[in-house]
Amino acid sequence: MDLEARKILFVQEFLRLQNEEIVSVLENLLRKQKAELIERNFKPMTKEEYNAEIDQAMKDSQNGRMIKATDLKSKIQKWR
């Protein structure tokens, strides 16, 4: 059985649950596992990568490739 089929079966079983305690346990397990996965895959930037990001941001700013925070908030509000 492939991953997509397993997920569908899991969701179907989850939707049939009537026990709030089990739902809470599954929610907590999901959060914990996601956090652990992120932690395992987290790789800090090197100093060179960090400086390259800053250089790119400065170039973007100088070339007008920026958006104001208020404009971004407005765009995000339209996503809903």
N, C-alpha and C. Protein backbone atom coordinates (compact mmCIF):
# COMPACT_ATOMS: atom_id res chain seq x y z
N MET A 1 0.86 -1.18 0.00
CA MET A 1 0.00 0.00 0.00
C MET A 1 0.91 1.24 0.00
N ASP A 2 0.64 2.17 -0.91
CA ASP A 2 1.47 3.37 -0.99
C ASP A 2 1.09 4.38 0.10
N LEU A 3 1.91 5.40 0.22
CA LEU A 3 1.73 6.40 1.28
C LEU A 3 0.39 7.12 1.17
N GLU A 4 0.00 7.48 -0.05
CA GLU A 4 -1.27 8.21 -0.22
C GLU A 4 -2.45 7.38 0.26
N ALA A 5 -2.45 6.10 -0.07
CA ALA A 5 -3.55 5.22 0.37
C ALA A 5 -3.55 5.07 1.88
N ARG A 6 -2.37 4.95 2.46
CA ARG A 6 -2.27 4.84 3.92
C ARG A 6 -2.80 6.10 4.60
N LYS A 7 -2.47 7.26 4.04
CA LYS A 7 -2.94 8.52 4.64
C LYS A 7 -4.47 8.62 4.57
N ILE A 8 -5.02 8.21 3.44
CA ILE A 8 -6.49 8.25 3.29
C ILE A 8 -7.15 7.34 4.31
N LEU A 9 -6.62 6.13 4.45
CA LEU A 9 -7.18 5.20 5.45
C LEU A 9 -7.07 5.76 6.86
N PHE A 10 -5.93 6.39 7.15
CA PHE A 10 -5.72 6.97 8.47
C PHE A 10 -6.74 8.08 8.74
N VAL A 11 -6.91 8.96 7.77
CA VAL A 11 -7.85 10.07 7.92
C VAL A 11 -9.27 9.55 8.11
N GLN A 12 -9.63 8.54 7.34
CA GLN A 12 -10.97 7.97 7.49
C GLN A 12 -11.17 7.41 8.90
N GLU A 13 -10.16 6.68 9.39
CA GLU A 13 -10.24 6.13 10.74
C GLU A 13 -10.28 7.25 11.78
N PHE A 14 -9.47 8.27 11.56
CA PHE A 14 -9.43 9.42 12.48
C PHE A 14 -10.80 10.09 12.56
N LEU A 15 -11.45 10.26 11.43
CA LEU A 15 -12.75 10.92 11.40
C LEU A 15 -13.84 10.12 12.12
N ARG A 16 -13.64 8.82 12.25
CA ARG A 16 -14.61 7.99 12.96
C ARG A 16 -14.40 8.03 14.48
N LEU A 17 -13.28 8.57 14.94
CA LEU A 17 -13.01 8.62 16.38
C LEU A 17 -14.04 9.47 17.11
N GLN A 18 -14.45 9.00 18.27
CA GLN A 18 -15.39 9.74 19.11
C GLN A 18 -14.79 10.07 20.47
N ASN A 19 -13.54 9.65 20.68
CA ASN A 19 -12.88 9.81 21.96
C ASN A 19 -11.93 11.01 21.91
N GLU A 20 -12.23 12.05 22.68
CA GLU A 20 -11.42 13.27 22.65
C GLU A 20 -10.00 13.02 23.14
N GLU A 21 -9.84 12.10 24.06
CA GLU A 21 -8.51 11.79 24.59
C GLU A 21 -7.61 11.21 23.50
N ILE A 22 -8.15 10.31 22.70
CA ILE A 22 -7.37 9.73 21.61
C ILE A 22 -7.00 10.80 20.58
N VAL A 23 -7.94 11.68 20.27
CA VAL A 23 -7.67 12.77 19.33
C VAL A 23 -6.55 13.65 19.88
N SER A 24 -6.59 13.97 21.15
CA SER A 24 -5.54 14.79 21.77
C SER A 24 -4.18 14.11 21.72
N VAL A 25 -4.17 12.81 21.99
CA VAL A 25 -2.91 12.06 21.94
C VAL A 25 -2.34 12.09 20.52
N LEU A 26 -3.19 11.87 19.54
CA LEU A 26 -2.73 11.89 18.14
C LEU A 26 -2.25 13.28 17.73
N GLU A 27 -2.95 14.32 18.16
CA GLU A 27 -2.52 15.69 17.86
C GLU A 27 -1.14 15.95 18.45
N ASN A 28 -0.96 15.57 19.70
CA ASN A 28 0.33 15.79 20.36
C ASN A 28 1.44 14.98 19.69
N LEU A 29 1.14 13.75 19.32
CA LEU A 29 2.13 12.92 18.64
C LEU A 29 2.53 13.54 17.31
N LEU A 30 1.56 14.02 16.56
CA LEU A 30 1.85 14.66 15.28
C LEU A 30 2.73 15.88 15.46
N ARG A 31 2.39 16.74 16.42
CA ARG A 31 3.21 17.93 16.68
C ARG A 31 4.64 17.55 17.06
N LYS A 32 4.76 16.56 17.94
CA LYS A 32 6.08 16.14 18.41
C LYS A 32 6.91 15.57 17.27
N GLN A 33 6.30 14.71 16.46
CA GLN A 33 7.03 14.10 15.35
C GLN A 33 7.44 15.13 14.31
N LYS A 34 6.57 16.10 14.02
CA LYS A 34 6.92 17.15 13.06
C LYS A 34 8.08 17.99 13.59
N ALA A 35 8.04 18.32 14.87
CA ALA A 35 9.12 19.11 15.48
C ALA A 35 10.44 18.35 15.44
N GLU A 36 10.38 17.05 15.73
CA GLU A 36 11.61 16.24 15.69
C GLU A 36 12.15 16.14 14.27
N LEU A 37 11.28 16.00 13.29
CA LEU A 37 11.71 15.93 11.90
C LEU A 37 12.38 17.24 11.48
N ILE A 38 11.78 18.34 11.85
CA ILE A 38 12.36 19.65 11.53
C ILE A 38 13.72 19.78 12.20
N GLU A 39 13.82 19.38 13.45
CA GLU A 39 15.08 19.46 14.19
C GLU A 39 16.16 18.61 13.53
N ARG A 40 15.80 17.40 13.10
CA ARG A 40 16.79 16.51 12.46
C ARG A 40 17.28 17.08 11.13
N ASN A 41 16.38 17.77 10.42
CA ASN A 41 16.73 18.30 9.10
C ASN A 41 17.27 19.72 9.14
N PHE A 42 17.28 20.32 10.33
CA PHE A 42 17.74 21.70 10.46
C PHE A 42 19.25 21.76 10.30
N LYS A 43 19.69 22.63 9.42
CA LYS A 43 21.11 22.82 9.21
C LYS A 43 21.38 24.32 9.27
N PRO A 44 22.11 24.76 10.29
CA PRO A 44 22.39 26.20 10.39
C PRO A 44 23.14 26.71 9.17
N MET A 45 22.92 27.97 8.85
CA MET A 45 23.64 28.61 7.75
C MET A 45 25.10 28.79 8.13
N THR A 46 25.94 28.69 7.12
CA THR A 46 27.34 29.05 7.34
C THR A 46 27.42 30.57 7.32
N LYS A 47 28.54 31.09 7.76
CA LYS A 47 28.74 32.54 7.74
C LYS A 47 28.68 33.05 6.30
N GLU A 48 29.22 32.27 5.37
CA GLU A 48 29.22 32.66 3.96
C GLU A 48 27.79 32.71 3.41
N GLU A 49 26.98 31.71 3.76
CA GLU A 49 25.59 31.70 3.31
C GLU A 49 24.82 32.89 3.88
N TYR A 50 25.06 33.16 5.15
CA TYR A 50 24.40 34.29 5.82
C TYR A 50 24.76 35.60 5.13
N ASN A 51 26.05 35.79 4.86
CA ASN A 51 26.49 37.02 4.20
C ASN A 51 25.94 37.11 2.78
N ALA A 52 25.83 35.98 2.09
CA ALA A 52 25.26 35.97 0.74
C ALA A 52 23.78 36.38 0.78
N GLU A 53 23.06 35.91 1.79
CA GLU A 53 21.65 36.30 1.95
C GLU A 53 21.54 37.81 2.18
N ILE A 54 22.40 38.35 3.00
CA ILE A 54 22.40 39.80 3.26
C ILE A 54 22.72 40.56 1.98
N ASP A 55 23.74 40.11 1.25
CA ASP A 55 24.11 40.78 -0.01
C ASP A 55 22.94 40.77 -0.99
N GLN A 56 22.24 39.63 -1.09
CA GLN A 56 21.10 39.53 -2.00
C GLN A 56 19.98 40.47 -1.56
N ALA A 57 19.73 40.54 -0.26
CA ALA A 57 18.70 41.44 0.25
C ALA A 57 19.04 42.89 -0.06
N MET A 58 20.29 43.24 0.07
CA MET A 58 20.71 44.62 -0.22
C MET A 58 20.52 44.92 -1.72
N LYS A 59 20.88 43.97 -2.58
CA LYS A 59 20.68 44.16 -4.03
C LYS A 59 19.19 44.30 -4.35
N ASP A 60 18.38 43.45 -3.74
CA ASP A 60 16.93 43.52 -3.96
C ASP A 60 16.40 44.88 -3.54
N SER A 61 16.87 45.39 -2.42
CA SER A 61 16.43 46.69 -1.93
C SER A 61 16.84 47.80 -2.90
N GLN A 62 18.06 47.76 -3.34
CA GLN A 62 18.57 48.79 -4.26
C GLN A 62 17.86 48.76 -5.60
N ASN A 63 17.39 47.59 -6.01
CA ASN A 63 16.73 47.44 -7.31
C ASN A 63 15.21 47.47 -7.21
N GLY A 64 14.69 47.85 -6.05
CA GLY A 64 13.26 48.00 -5.88
C GLY A 64 12.47 46.70 -5.85
N ARG A 65 13.13 45.61 -5.53
CA ARG A 65 12.44 44.32 -5.47
C ARG A 65 12.04 44.02 -4.03
N MET A 66 11.22 44.89 -3.50
CA MET A 66 10.75 44.73 -2.13
C MET A 66 9.26 45.03 -2.08
N ILE A 67 8.65 44.61 -1.00
CA ILE A 67 7.24 44.90 -0.79
C ILE A 67 7.09 45.39 0.66
N LYS A 68 6.29 46.42 0.84
CA LYS A 68 6.05 46.93 2.19
C LYS A 68 5.27 45.91 3.00
N ALA A 69 5.53 45.87 4.29
CA ALA A 69 4.83 44.92 5.18
C ALA A 69 3.33 45.12 5.11
N THR A 70 2.88 46.37 5.03
CA THR A 70 1.43 46.64 4.97
C THR A 70 0.83 46.09 3.68
N ASP A 71 1.57 46.21 2.56
CA ASP A 71 1.09 45.67 1.29
C ASP A 71 1.04 44.14 1.34
N LEU A 72 2.04 43.54 1.96
CA LEU A 72 2.06 42.09 2.09
C LEU A 72 0.89 41.61 2.93
N LYS A 73 0.62 42.32 4.02
CA LYS A 73 -0.53 41.96 4.86
C LYS A 73 -1.82 42.04 4.07
N SER A 74 -1.96 43.06 3.24
CA SER A 74 -3.17 43.19 2.42
C SER A 74 -3.31 42.02 1.44
N LYS A 75 -2.19 41.63 0.83
CA LYS A 75 -2.22 40.50 -0.10
C LYS A 75 -2.63 39.22 0.63
N ILE A 76 -2.07 39.02 1.80
CA ILE A 76 -2.35 37.81 2.58
C ILE A 76 -3.83 37.78 2.96
N GLN A 77 -4.40 38.92 3.32
CA GLN A 77 -5.82 38.97 3.69
C GLN A 77 -6.70 38.53 2.53
N LYS A 78 -6.27 38.78 1.30
CA LYS A 78 -7.06 38.40 0.12
C LYS A 78 -7.00 36.90 -0.16
N TRP A 79 -6.05 36.19 0.44
CA TRP A 79 -5.93 34.74 0.23
C TRP A 79 -7.10 33.99 0.85
N ARG A 80 -7.72 34.57 1.85
CA ARG A 80 -8.78 33.86 2.59
C ARG A 80 -10.06 33.78 1.82
